[in-house]
Amino acid sequence: MRTVGIKELKNRLTQYLRQAKAGEEVMVTERGRPIALIQAIQSVSRPVSLEARLAKLAAQGLVTLPVHKPLKRVRRVTVRGVPLSRMILEDRR
């Protein structure tokens, strides 16, 4: 396991991410105290957040994450007239 300070991590982030991707763990410290752990998604045993769980499933190839942004707020449409459910029930009689 590598230990790296925040300043060093900022300066060489790509290098440390490559190491994590290769399976090595990187401990991030702030003033000598550990604050974070960077590791490959595949090595996480039980991800906590939904995003982390989905990322792990995507890394395993079990799901495909969306690449488009979610839809904006959709305007609700109101329809006048006889409800469709009532029309279906009348057709069944």
C-alpha atoms as a PDB file:
ATOM      1  CA  MET A   1       0.000   0.000   0.000  1.00  0.00           C
ATOM      2  CA  ARG A   2       1.309   3.407  -0.953  1.00  0.00           C
ATOM      3  CA  THR A   3       0.864   6.453   1.250  1.00  0.00           C
ATOM      4  CA  VAL A   4       0.626   9.864  -0.372  1.00  0.00           C
ATOM      5  CA  GLY A   5      -0.113  13.375   0.842  1.00  0.00           C
ATOM      6  CA  ILE A   6      -2.792  15.545  -0.732  1.00  0.00           C
ATOM      7  CA  LYS A   7      -0.300  17.846  -2.490  1.00  0.00           C
ATOM      8  CA  GLU A   8       1.588  14.923  -4.015  1.00  0.00           C
ATOM      9  CA  LEU A   9      -1.705  13.278  -5.031  1.00  0.00           C
ATOM     10  CA  LYS A  10      -2.824  16.475  -6.743  1.00  0.00           C
ATOM     11  CA  ASN A  11       0.454  16.744  -8.655  1.00  0.00           C
ATOM     12  CA  ARG A  12       0.517  13.109  -9.822  1.00  0.00           C
ATOM     13  CA  LEU A  13      -3.126  12.018  -9.749  1.00  0.00           C
ATOM     14  CA  THR A  14      -2.955  10.086 -13.032  1.00  0.00           C
ATOM     15  CA  GLN A  15      -0.027   8.010 -11.804  1.00  0.00           C
ATOM     16  CA  TYR A  16      -1.790   7.056  -8.567  1.00  0.00           C
ATOM     17  CA  LEU A  17      -5.029   6.243 -10.378  1.00  0.00           C
ATOM     18  CA  ARG A  18      -3.109   3.902 -12.678  1.00  0.00           C
ATOM     19  CA  GLN A  19      -1.639   2.176  -9.647  1.00  0.00           C
ATOM     20  CA  ALA A  20      -5.088   1.790  -8.090  1.00  0.00           C
ATOM     21  CA  LYS A  21      -6.442   0.432 -11.359  1.00  0.00           C
ATOM     22  CA  ALA A  22      -3.632  -2.132 -11.360  1.00  0.00           C
ATOM     23  CA  GLY A  23      -4.811  -3.366  -7.949  1.00  0.00           C
ATOM     24  CA  GLU A  24      -2.608  -1.394  -5.585  1.00  0.00           C
ATOM     25  CA  GLU A  25      -4.182   0.561  -2.729  1.00  0.00           C
ATOM     26  CA  VAL A  26      -3.220   4.209  -2.212  1.00  0.00           C
ATOM     27  CA  MET A  27      -3.697   5.765   1.221  1.00  0.00           C
ATOM     28  CA  VAL A  28      -4.267   9.533   1.114  1.00  0.00           C
ATOM     29  CA  THR A  29      -3.086  11.509   4.128  1.00  0.00           C
ATOM     30  CA  GLU A  30      -3.617  15.038   5.353  1.00  0.00           C
ATOM     31  CA  ARG A  31      -0.813  16.255   7.624  1.00  0.00           C
ATOM     32  CA  GLY A  32       0.198  12.647   8.245  1.00  0.00           C
ATOM     33  CA  ARG A  33      -3.296  11.411   9.137  1.00  0.00           C
ATOM     34  CA  PRO A  34      -5.066   8.955   6.808  1.00  0.00           C
ATOM     35  CA  ILE A  35      -8.257  10.423   5.321  1.00  0.00           C
ATOM     36  CA  ALA A  36      -9.025   8.316   2.252  1.00  0.00           C
ATOM     37  CA  LEU A  37      -8.211   5.106   0.464  1.00  0.00           C
ATOM     38  CA  ILE A  38      -8.044   4.858  -3.310  1.00  0.00           C
ATOM     39  CA  GLN A  39      -8.522   1.357  -4.662  1.00  0.00           C
ATOM     40  CA  ALA A  40      -9.857  -0.392  -7.730  1.00  0.00           C
ATOM     41  CA  ILE A  41     -13.628  -0.783  -7.843  1.00  0.00           C
ATOM     42  CA  GLN A  42     -13.318  -4.553  -8.296  1.00  0.00           C
ATOM     43  CA  SER A  43     -11.530  -4.893  -4.947  1.00  0.00           C
ATOM     44  CA  VAL A  44     -14.262  -3.193  -2.909  1.00  0.00           C
ATOM     45  CA  SER A  45     -16.137  -5.890  -1.016  1.00  0.00           C
ATOM     46  CA  ARG A  46     -19.372  -4.053  -0.119  1.00  0.00           C
ATOM     47  CA  PRO A  47     -19.883  -0.621  -1.667  1.00  0.00           C
ATOM     48  CA  VAL A  48     -22.039   1.651   0.486  1.00  0.00           C
ATOM     49  CA  SER A  49     -23.636   4.143  -1.895  1.00  0.00           C
ATOM     50  CA  LEU A  50     -25.856   3.340  -4.847  1.00  0.00           C
ATOM     51  CA  GLU A  51     -23.404   5.008  -7.218  1.00  0.00           C
ATOM     52  CA  ALA A  52     -20.542   2.869  -5.916  1.00  0.00           C
ATOM     53  CA  ARG A  53     -22.614  -0.319  -6.257  1.00  0.00           C
ATOM     54  CA  LEU A  54     -23.560   0.572  -9.829  1.00  0.00           C
ATOM     55  CA  ALA A  55     -19.944   1.430 -10.662  1.00  0.00           C
ATOM     56  CA  LYS A  56     -18.800  -1.949  -9.352  1.00  0.00           C
ATOM     57  CA  LEU A  57     -21.441  -3.766 -11.423  1.00  0.00           C
ATOM     58  CA  ALA A  58     -20.355  -1.767 -14.478  1.00  0.00           C
ATOM     59  CA  ALA A  59     -16.706  -2.665 -13.841  1.00  0.00           C
ATOM     60  CA  GLN A  60     -17.713  -6.340 -13.726  1.00  0.00           C
ATOM     61  CA  GLY A  61     -19.574  -5.917 -17.024  1.00  0.00           C
ATOM     62  CA  LEU A  62     -22.969  -6.798 -15.540  1.00  0.00           C
ATOM     63  CA  VAL A  63     -24.642  -3.453 -16.286  1.00  0.00           C
ATOM     64  CA  THR A  64     -24.064  -0.531 -18.607  1.00  0.00           C
ATOM     65  CA  LEU A  65     -24.201   2.894 -17.039  1.00  0.00           C
ATOM     66  CA  PRO A  66     -26.134   5.607 -18.895  1.00  0.00           C
ATOM     67  CA  VAL A  67     -24.056   8.025 -20.924  1.00  0.00           C
ATOM     68  CA  HIS A  68     -26.732  10.678 -21.411  1.00  0.00           C
ATOM     69  CA  LYS A  69     -27.916  13.156 -18.835  1.00  0.00           C
ATOM     70  CA  PRO A  70     -31.281  12.395 -17.238  1.00  0.00           C
ATOM     71  CA  LEU A  71     -34.330  14.132 -18.637  1.00  0.00           C
ATOM     72  CA  LYS A  72     -35.256  17.524 -17.339  1.00  0.00           C
ATOM     73  CA  ARG A  73     -38.506  18.004 -15.539  1.00  0.00           C
ATOM     74  CA  VAL A  74     -41.357  16.725 -17.681  1.00  0.00           C
ATOM     75  CA  ARG A  75     -44.544  18.775 -17.933  1.00  0.00           C
ATOM     76  CA  ARG A  76     -47.615  16.828 -16.914  1.00  0.00           C
ATOM     77  CA  VAL A  77     -50.351  16.487 -19.531  1.00  0.00           C
ATOM     78  CA  THR A  78     -54.002  16.354 -18.562  1.00  0.00           C
ATOM     79  CA  VAL A  79     -56.473  14.605 -20.813  1.00  0.00           C
ATOM     80  CA  ARG A  80     -60.162  15.417 -20.837  1.00  0.00           C
ATOM     81  CA  GLY A  81     -62.968  13.005 -21.438  1.00  0.00           C
ATOM     82  CA  VAL A  82     -63.826   9.501 -20.357  1.00  0.00           C
ATOM     83  CA  PRO A  83     -60.972   7.702 -18.589  1.00  0.00           C
ATOM     84  CA  LEU A  84     -59.345   4.975 -20.635  1.00  0.00           C
ATOM     85  CA  SER A  85     -59.918   2.428 -17.862  1.00  0.00           C
ATOM     86  CA  ARG A  86     -63.680   3.035 -18.053  1.00  0.00           C
ATOM     87  CA  MET A  87     -63.670   2.629 -21.848  1.00  0.00           C
ATOM     88  CA  ILE A  88     -61.829  -0.702 -21.522  1.00  0.00           C
ATOM     89  CA  LEU A  89     -64.312  -1.968 -18.915  1.00  0.00           C
ATOM     90  CA  GLU A  90     -67.243  -1.014 -21.175  1.00  0.00           C
ATOM     91  CA  ASP A  91     -65.674  -2.874 -24.119  1.00  0.00           C
ATOM     92  CA  ARG A  92     -65.354  -6.012 -22.004  1.00  0.00           C
ATOM     93  CA  ARG A  93     -69.097  -6.062 -21.246  1.00  0.00           C
END
